[in-house]
Amino acid sequence: MSSVLTSFQLTPDSGTPDYLQIARKLEEAIRTGAIAEGERLPPTTELVDLWRVNITRLQRAMNILVRQGLLQRHPGRGTFVTSHLIPPLVGILVGPDMELEASHFHRVTVGRLRRVIQAAGLKVRVYESDGDKARRDWDDLQFDLRQHRFNGLIFVSASQLRTEYAEERLPFSKSVPTVSFGAWDSQPDLCIDVNDFYEKSITWLHGEGCRKLAWVHLSYLLPDSPIHQMRQAQIGLDDHAVIQLIPPTGQGESERSFVPDRLAYQMMMERIPQWRKRRFLPDGIIVGDDMMARGVATAIREAWRPGTPLPKMIVLGSRELPHFYAIPMARYQVSIAKIARRLYHRLEVRAAAMNETLPMEPIRGEIVAPFQ
């Protein structure tokens, strides 16, 4: 038995499941040549005794490596390291048109995913479901699925494409593990925790002395759930207002020309005079998108009356996408790098046990001090 196998020990307190520890150790040994091509692995019973692991967990680890093309099972003979180490493919299916300015978050997310997947020794291919490349990418995706090329598929804000895949409108839809990231109402595997964003934002603004709040948000960020109403009652807000931006849906120029900061600017320029008439000027504003925040800040700088204190503002953003605003603004920052790591981790888990049901995982951020 190889010394790589005999010297390996599981780390119970590492936070990584035992089968992933085994899979990653074996993958490293195979790719570095410590376990040679064509070599037969010891019987499962020996490895179970050696590592003191449940046989089902060990089989999950082997499933991952078989799917990656590093191991091959031969009934009656055993499990062997493959002779041709061809990196398997992970497909990233993206919903928004990647050429649009409003898709900056998705471009960075895909870039981070590429790094994580390539670091694991796998190939990456991106398929877009909107924009000029959509038809060609759709044909390429179906062709690649027919060739059984995939180790997994990752859906990034592609809820419609994910639905079609789940309904088997794409070939071999049951044979490839999938994970998804998107808005909470599409029931993805990972999503930004909107409740946590609003909860922490309200608390922070209240701590800054704000009692009249305004929300500016996209249609899928809804600040009217019971948790928000309860929190408002607890801290005793005097008044609040909501501005909802609804992006165009479907194909066409209206959707392609949607620019969140411009629309937010226009709506704020209309709303500020209305607020004055009803004698409501918010001293705190929560903005659900960093591009929208640029438009909101610009409108406030232009339309706020001289001598009137500017409202304190907080925006949902990410560490990897700094923006500069017309007025100081705090940020609730999520990590795109963490989103990428968690998505790939989920894909590994699902590859090991295709039928396992995993709960939706919320991604939470932290508030950083205002900057301009």
Protein backbone atom coordinates (compact mmCIF):
# COMPACT_ATOMS: atom_id res chain seq x y z
CA MET A 1 0.00 0.00 0.00
CA SER A 2 1.27 3.48 -0.92
CA SER A 3 2.83 5.51 1.89
CA VAL A 4 0.61 8.42 0.81
CA LEU A 5 -2.41 6.38 1.87
CA THR A 6 -0.96 5.01 5.10
CA SER A 7 0.30 8.41 6.30
CA PHE A 8 -2.97 10.25 5.61
CA GLN A 9 -5.12 11.10 8.62
CA LEU A 10 -8.53 12.74 8.76
CA THR A 11 -8.87 16.02 10.62
CA PRO A 12 -12.21 15.88 12.49
CA ASP A 13 -12.25 19.56 13.54
CA SER A 14 -11.29 21.06 10.17
CA GLY A 15 -14.85 21.94 9.16
CA THR A 16 -14.44 19.95 5.92
CA PRO A 17 -16.47 16.71 5.61
CA ASP A 18 -14.38 13.56 5.87
CA TYR A 19 -15.24 12.38 2.34
CA LEU A 20 -14.05 15.70 0.87
CA GLN A 21 -10.79 15.43 2.81
CA ILE A 22 -10.27 11.95 1.35
CA ALA A 23 -11.22 13.02 -2.18
CA ARG A 24 -8.88 16.01 -2.11
CA LYS A 25 -5.96 13.98 -0.72
CA LEU A 26 -6.38 11.26 -3.33
CA GLU A 27 -6.74 13.85 -6.09
CA GLU A 28 -3.52 15.55 -4.99
CA ALA A 29 -1.69 12.23 -4.88
CA ILE A 30 -2.90 11.25 -8.35
CA ARG A 31 -2.14 14.60 -10.00
CA THR A 32 1.36 14.76 -8.46
CA GLY A 33 2.13 11.17 -9.45
CA ALA A 34 2.42 9.91 -5.87
CA ILE A 35 -0.17 7.33 -6.92
CA ALA A 36 0.78 6.21 -10.41
CA GLU A 37 -1.44 5.98 -13.48
CA GLY A 38 -2.94 2.51 -13.81
CA GLU A 39 -2.32 1.70 -10.14
CA ARG A 40 -5.04 -0.25 -8.35
CA LEU A 41 -6.32 1.24 -5.09
CA PRO A 42 -6.56 -1.01 -2.02
CA PRO A 43 -9.95 -2.65 -1.44
CA THR A 44 -12.62 -0.48 0.15
CA THR A 45 -12.62 -2.57 3.34
CA GLU A 46 -8.90 -1.92 3.85
CA LEU A 47 -9.30 1.85 3.38
CA VAL A 48 -12.28 1.88 5.76
CA ASP A 49 -10.15 0.21 8.46
CA LEU A 50 -7.10 2.36 7.68
CA TRP A 51 -8.90 5.73 7.92
CA ARG A 52 -11.63 4.64 10.34
CA VAL A 53 -14.33 6.05 8.12
CA ASN A 54 -17.84 4.93 7.29
CA ILE A 55 -17.98 2.94 4.03
CA THR A 56 -20.73 5.22 2.64
CA ARG A 57 -18.54 8.29 3.23
CA LEU A 58 -15.60 6.60 1.52
CA GLN A 59 -17.77 5.76 -1.48
CA ARG A 60 -18.81 9.40 -1.71
CA ALA A 61 -15.15 10.38 -1.99
CA MET A 62 -14.60 7.79 -4.72
CA ASN A 63 -17.70 9.04 -6.58
CA ILE A 64 -16.15 12.51 -6.80
CA LEU A 65 -12.90 11.18 -8.28
CA VAL A 66 -14.71 8.87 -10.71
CA ARG A 67 -16.76 11.83 -11.94
CA GLN A 68 -13.57 13.86 -12.34
CA GLY A 69 -12.10 11.11 -14.49
CA LEU A 70 -9.26 10.34 -12.06
CA LEU A 71 -10.52 6.89 -11.06
CA GLN A 72 -12.24 4.11 -12.97
CA ARG A 73 -14.17 1.21 -11.45
CA HIS A 74 -13.86 -2.28 -12.95
CA PRO A 75 -16.41 -4.69 -11.38
CA GLY A 76 -14.65 -7.74 -9.98
CA ARG A 77 -11.20 -6.20 -10.44
CA GLY A 78 -11.19 -3.02 -8.36
CA THR A 79 -10.72 0.73 -8.70
CA PHE A 80 -7.81 2.03 -10.81
CA VAL A 81 -6.17 5.36 -11.48
CA THR A 82 -7.02 6.29 -15.07
CA SER A 83 -4.31 6.25 -17.71
CA HIS A 84 -5.35 9.52 -19.33
CA LEU A 85 -5.78 12.41 -16.95
CA ILE A 86 -8.11 14.60 -18.98
CA PRO A 87 -9.48 17.41 -16.78
CA PRO A 88 -13.28 17.27 -16.67
CA LEU A 89 -15.40 20.30 -17.42
CA VAL A 90 -17.50 22.50 -15.13
CA GLY A 91 -20.06 24.62 -16.93
CA ILE A 92 -21.10 28.05 -15.64
CA LEU A 93 -24.53 29.11 -16.92
CA VAL A 94 -25.13 32.85 -16.57
CA GLY A 95 -28.54 34.54 -16.77
CA PRO A 96 -27.79 38.25 -17.46
CA ASP A 97 -26.18 39.56 -20.63
CA MET A 98 -22.53 39.82 -19.62
CA GLU A 99 -21.92 42.77 -21.94
CA LEU A 100 -24.27 45.07 -20.04
CA GLU A 101 -22.89 47.54 -17.52
CA ALA A 102 -25.48 46.35 -14.98
CA SER A 103 -23.90 42.86 -15.07
CA HIS A 104 -20.68 43.95 -13.35
CA PHE A 105 -21.41 41.80 -10.28
CA HIS A 106 -21.96 38.71 -12.43
CA ARG A 107 -18.77 39.28 -14.42
CA VAL A 108 -16.71 39.36 -11.21
CA THR A 109 -18.58 36.32 -9.82
CA VAL A 110 -17.84 34.28 -12.96
CA GLY A 111 -14.20 35.38 -12.82
CA ARG A 112 -13.86 34.23 -9.21
CA LEU A 113 -15.56 30.94 -10.03
CA ARG A 114 -13.07 30.36 -12.84
CA ARG A 115 -10.16 30.73 -10.41
CA VAL A 116 -11.65 28.37 -7.82
CA ILE A 117 -12.52 25.68 -10.39
CA GLN A 118 -9.21 25.91 -12.25
CA ALA A 119 -7.33 25.72 -8.94
CA ALA A 120 -9.07 22.36 -8.43
CA GLY A 121 -7.59 21.13 -11.74
CA LEU A 122 -10.82 21.34 -13.76
CA LYS A 123 -11.65 23.12 -17.00
CA VAL A 124 -14.30 25.85 -17.14
CA ARG A 125 -16.71 26.88 -19.88
CA VAL A 126 -19.18 29.77 -19.58
CA TYR A 127 -22.58 29.70 -21.29
CA GLU A 128 -24.73 32.84 -21.49
CA SER A 129 -28.52 32.66 -21.72
CA ASP A 130 -29.02 36.28 -22.81
CA GLY A 131 -27.37 38.65 -25.26
CA ASP A 132 -25.70 38.14 -28.62
CA LYS A 133 -23.99 34.85 -27.67
CA ALA A 134 -27.07 33.18 -26.18
CA ARG A 135 -28.18 31.09 -29.19
CA ARG A 136 -24.71 29.78 -29.92
CA ASP A 137 -24.01 29.06 -26.26
CA TRP A 138 -27.32 27.18 -25.94
CA ASP A 139 -26.37 24.93 -28.88
CA ASP A 140 -22.88 24.40 -27.43
CA LEU A 141 -24.35 23.48 -24.04
CA GLN A 142 -26.66 20.84 -25.50
CA PHE A 143 -23.82 19.37 -27.56
CA ASP A 144 -21.47 19.24 -24.56
CA LEU A 145 -24.17 17.59 -22.44
CA ARG A 146 -24.61 14.88 -25.08
CA GLN A 147 -20.91 14.14 -24.86
CA HIS A 148 -21.13 13.66 -21.07
CA ARG A 149 -18.31 16.14 -20.62
CA PHE A 150 -19.44 17.70 -17.36
CA ASN A 151 -18.33 17.23 -13.79
CA GLY A 152 -21.01 19.74 -12.80
CA LEU A 153 -23.01 22.83 -13.75
CA ILE A 154 -23.22 26.10 -11.82
CA PHE A 155 -26.17 28.43 -12.48
CA VAL A 156 -25.49 32.11 -11.75
CA SER A 157 -28.71 34.17 -11.68
CA ALA A 158 -30.12 31.86 -14.35
CA SER A 159 -33.36 30.73 -12.73
CA GLN A 160 -35.22 30.22 -16.04
CA LEU A 161 -32.43 28.10 -17.51
CA ARG A 162 -32.23 26.16 -14.25
CA THR A 163 -35.96 25.42 -14.47
CA GLU A 164 -35.61 24.13 -18.03
CA TYR A 165 -32.73 21.94 -16.93
CA ALA A 166 -34.70 20.55 -13.98
CA GLU A 167 -37.64 19.81 -16.28
CA GLU A 168 -35.30 17.81 -18.53
CA ARG A 169 -35.59 20.05 -21.57
CA LEU A 170 -31.84 19.64 -21.82
CA PRO A 171 -30.37 16.19 -22.51
CA PHE A 172 -29.02 14.09 -19.61
CA SER A 173 -30.30 16.56 -17.04
CA LYS A 174 -30.38 13.97 -14.27
CA SER A 175 -26.81 12.79 -14.70
CA VAL A 176 -24.88 15.98 -13.87
CA PRO A 177 -24.76 17.59 -10.41
CA THR A 178 -25.85 21.23 -10.30
CA VAL A 179 -25.75 24.18 -7.89
CA SER A 180 -27.17 27.67 -8.23
CA PHE A 181 -26.75 31.23 -6.98
CA GLY A 182 -29.45 33.86 -7.37
CA ALA A 183 -32.25 35.86 -5.79
CA TRP A 184 -33.80 34.29 -2.69
CA ASP A 185 -37.26 33.94 -4.30
CA SER A 186 -35.88 31.56 -6.96
CA GLN A 187 -34.90 29.04 -4.23
CA PRO A 188 -31.22 28.74 -5.18
CA ASP A 189 -28.52 26.83 -3.30
CA LEU A 190 -26.85 30.10 -2.30
CA CYS A 191 -28.28 33.61 -2.03
CA ILE A 192 -27.41 36.91 -0.40
CA ASP A 193 -29.29 37.13 2.89
CA VAL A 194 -31.55 40.11 2.21
CA ASN A 195 -33.14 39.86 5.65
CA ASP A 196 -29.72 40.19 7.27
CA PHE A 197 -28.89 43.17 5.05
CA TYR A 198 -32.03 45.06 6.02
CA GLU A 199 -31.82 44.05 9.68
CA LYS A 200 -28.23 45.26 10.06
CA SER A 201 -28.89 48.38 7.97
CA ILE A 202 -31.89 49.43 10.07
CA THR A 203 -29.94 48.79 13.26
CA TRP A 204 -26.93 50.76 12.04
CA LEU A 205 -29.00 53.74 10.89
CA HIS A 206 -30.93 53.74 14.16
CA GLY A 207 -27.63 53.80 16.01
CA GLU A 208 -26.67 56.85 13.94
CA GLY A 209 -29.80 58.66 15.16
CA CYS A 210 -31.98 58.12 12.08
CA ARG A 211 -35.76 57.88 12.59
CA LYS A 212 -37.16 58.47 9.09
CA LEU A 213 -35.97 55.85 6.61
CA ALA A 214 -36.37 55.35 2.88
CA TRP A 215 -35.68 52.14 0.94
CA VAL A 216 -34.58 52.15 -2.69
CA HIS A 217 -34.52 48.61 -4.01
CA LEU A 218 -34.98 46.34 -7.01
CA SER A 219 -38.20 44.37 -7.30
CA TYR A 220 -36.74 41.14 -5.86
CA LEU A 221 -35.43 42.85 -2.68
CA LEU A 222 -38.54 43.26 -0.58
CA PRO A 223 -38.17 45.26 2.65
CA ASP A 224 -41.71 44.54 3.85
CA SER A 225 -41.48 41.09 5.41
CA PRO A 226 -42.55 40.51 9.03
CA ILE A 227 -38.95 40.66 10.23
CA HIS A 228 -38.54 44.20 8.89
CA GLN A 229 -41.90 45.34 10.24
CA MET A 230 -41.05 43.87 13.63
CA ARG A 231 -37.65 45.54 13.67
CA GLN A 232 -39.13 48.92 12.73
CA ALA A 233 -41.61 48.63 15.59
CA GLN A 234 -38.88 47.64 18.05
CA ILE A 235 -36.66 50.62 17.34
CA GLY A 236 -39.51 53.11 16.95
CA LEU A 237 -39.18 54.59 13.47
CA ASP A 238 -41.17 57.77 12.95
CA ASP A 239 -41.85 57.26 9.24
CA HIS A 240 -40.62 55.39 6.20
CA ALA A 241 -40.99 55.27 2.41
CA VAL A 242 -40.23 52.73 -0.31
CA ILE A 243 -39.05 53.29 -3.87
CA GLN A 244 -39.16 50.13 -5.97
CA LEU A 245 -37.28 49.83 -9.26
CA ILE A 246 -38.64 47.16 -11.59
CA PRO A 247 -36.20 46.18 -14.36
CA PRO A 248 -37.70 45.44 -17.80
CA THR A 249 -38.24 41.74 -18.49
CA GLY A 250 -37.98 39.78 -21.70
CA GLN A 251 -35.91 40.55 -24.76
CA GLY A 252 -35.52 43.85 -26.51
CA GLU A 253 -33.90 47.24 -26.26
CA SER A 254 -35.73 48.20 -23.06
CA GLU A 255 -34.01 45.41 -21.14
CA ARG A 256 -30.63 45.95 -22.74
CA SER A 257 -30.72 49.66 -21.99
CA PHE A 258 -31.63 49.18 -18.31
CA VAL A 259 -29.07 51.09 -16.26
CA PRO A 260 -29.79 50.97 -12.49
CA ASP A 261 -27.98 54.18 -11.57
CA ARG A 262 -29.77 56.23 -14.23
CA LEU A 263 -33.20 54.91 -13.30
CA ALA A 264 -32.53 55.44 -9.59
CA TYR A 265 -31.43 59.02 -10.32
CA GLN A 266 -34.59 59.77 -12.31
CA MET A 267 -36.90 58.29 -9.69
CA MET A 268 -35.16 60.13 -6.84
CA MET A 269 -35.38 63.45 -8.74
CA GLU A 270 -39.15 62.87 -9.00
CA ARG A 271 -39.56 61.66 -5.43
CA ILE A 272 -37.62 64.32 -3.50
CA PRO A 273 -40.10 67.15 -4.36
CA GLN A 274 -42.97 64.81 -3.39
CA TRP A 275 -41.32 64.17 -0.05
CA ARG A 276 -41.04 67.89 0.56
CA LYS A 277 -44.76 68.36 -0.07
CA ARG A 278 -45.67 65.77 2.54
CA ARG A 279 -42.98 67.19 4.86
CA PHE A 280 -41.07 63.93 4.86
CA LEU A 281 -37.33 64.07 4.33
CA PRO A 282 -35.59 60.82 5.28
CA ASP A 283 -32.56 61.06 7.54
CA GLY A 284 -31.52 57.55 6.53
CA ILE A 285 -31.66 55.73 3.17
CA ILE A 286 -31.08 52.03 2.45
CA VAL A 287 -30.15 51.16 -1.15
CA GLY A 288 -30.28 47.55 -2.36
CA ASP A 289 -27.70 47.80 -5.17
CA ASP A 290 -24.36 49.56 -5.47
CA MET A 291 -24.99 50.88 -9.00
CA MET A 292 -28.37 52.26 -7.93
CA ALA A 293 -26.60 53.97 -5.04
CA ARG A 294 -24.61 56.12 -7.47
CA GLY A 295 -27.83 57.49 -8.95
CA VAL A 296 -29.42 58.02 -5.54
CA ALA A 297 -26.34 59.87 -4.24
CA THR A 298 -26.15 62.07 -7.34
CA ALA A 299 -29.83 63.04 -7.06
CA ILE A 300 -29.49 63.91 -3.38
CA ARG A 301 -26.43 66.03 -4.04
CA GLU A 302 -28.30 67.96 -6.75
CA ALA A 303 -31.82 68.21 -5.29
CA TRP A 304 -31.32 68.41 -1.53
CA ARG A 305 -31.92 71.91 -0.22
CA PRO A 306 -28.80 73.80 0.88
CA GLY A 307 -28.43 73.84 4.63
CA THR A 308 -30.53 70.67 5.09
CA PRO A 309 -28.46 67.82 6.61
CA LEU A 310 -27.78 65.06 4.11
CA PRO A 311 -29.29 61.67 4.95
CA LYS A 312 -27.05 58.90 6.14
CA MET A 313 -26.92 56.13 3.55
CA ILE A 314 -26.05 52.45 3.41
CA VAL A 315 -25.84 50.23 0.32
CA LEU A 316 -25.64 46.52 -0.42
CA GLY A 317 -22.32 45.93 -2.19
CA SER A 318 -19.32 43.60 -2.39
CA ARG A 319 -15.70 43.80 -1.29
CA GLU A 320 -14.42 43.13 -4.79
CA LEU A 321 -16.45 45.94 -6.43
CA PRO A 322 -15.61 49.32 -4.92
CA HIS A 323 -17.76 52.24 -6.07
CA PHE A 324 -17.36 55.95 -5.55
CA TYR A 325 -20.41 58.02 -4.69
CA ALA A 326 -21.34 61.69 -4.71
CA ILE A 327 -21.87 61.64 -0.94
CA PRO A 328 -20.49 59.48 1.91
CA MET A 329 -22.11 56.05 2.11
CA ALA A 330 -21.72 53.03 4.39
CA ARG A 331 -21.66 49.59 2.76
CA TYR A 332 -23.02 46.19 3.71
CA GLN A 333 -20.30 44.17 2.01
CA VAL A 334 -20.54 40.56 0.89
CA SER A 335 -17.59 38.60 -0.43
CA ILE A 336 -17.80 37.38 -4.04
CA ALA A 337 -14.76 35.18 -3.35
CA LYS A 338 -16.73 33.47 -0.57
CA ILE A 339 -19.71 32.99 -2.91
CA ALA A 340 -17.43 31.30 -5.46
CA ARG A 341 -15.82 29.03 -2.85
CA ARG A 342 -19.17 28.01 -1.36
CA LEU A 343 -20.66 27.27 -4.77
CA TYR A 344 -17.80 24.96 -5.68
CA HIS A 345 -17.95 23.30 -2.26
CA ARG A 346 -21.65 22.66 -2.82
CA LEU A 347 -20.89 21.17 -6.21
CA GLU A 348 -18.40 18.76 -4.61
CA VAL A 349 -20.97 17.72 -2.02
CA ARG A 350 -23.64 17.17 -4.66
CA ALA A 351 -21.25 15.23 -6.89
CA ALA A 352 -20.63 12.85 -4.00
CA ALA A 353 -24.34 12.28 -3.31
CA MET A 354 -26.63 13.33 -6.16
CA ASN A 355 -29.86 12.64 -4.26
CA GLU A 356 -28.94 14.51 -1.08
CA THR A 357 -31.17 17.50 -0.30
CA LEU A 358 -29.25 20.55 0.90
CA PRO A 359 -30.87 23.58 2.55
CA MET A 360 -30.47 27.01 0.95
CA GLU A 361 -27.31 28.67 2.27
CA PRO A 362 -27.49 32.42 3.02
CA ILE A 363 -24.44 34.59 2.33
CA ARG A 364 -24.11 37.38 4.90
CA GLY A 365 -22.01 40.52 4.92
CA GLU A 366 -20.75 43.13 7.36
CA ILE A 367 -21.17 46.89 7.52
CA VAL A 368 -18.10 49.05 6.88
CA ALA A 369 -17.76 52.72 7.71
CA PRO A 370 -19.05 55.36 5.27
CA PHE A 371 -16.77 56.48 2.48
CA GLN A 372 -17.27 58.64 -0.59
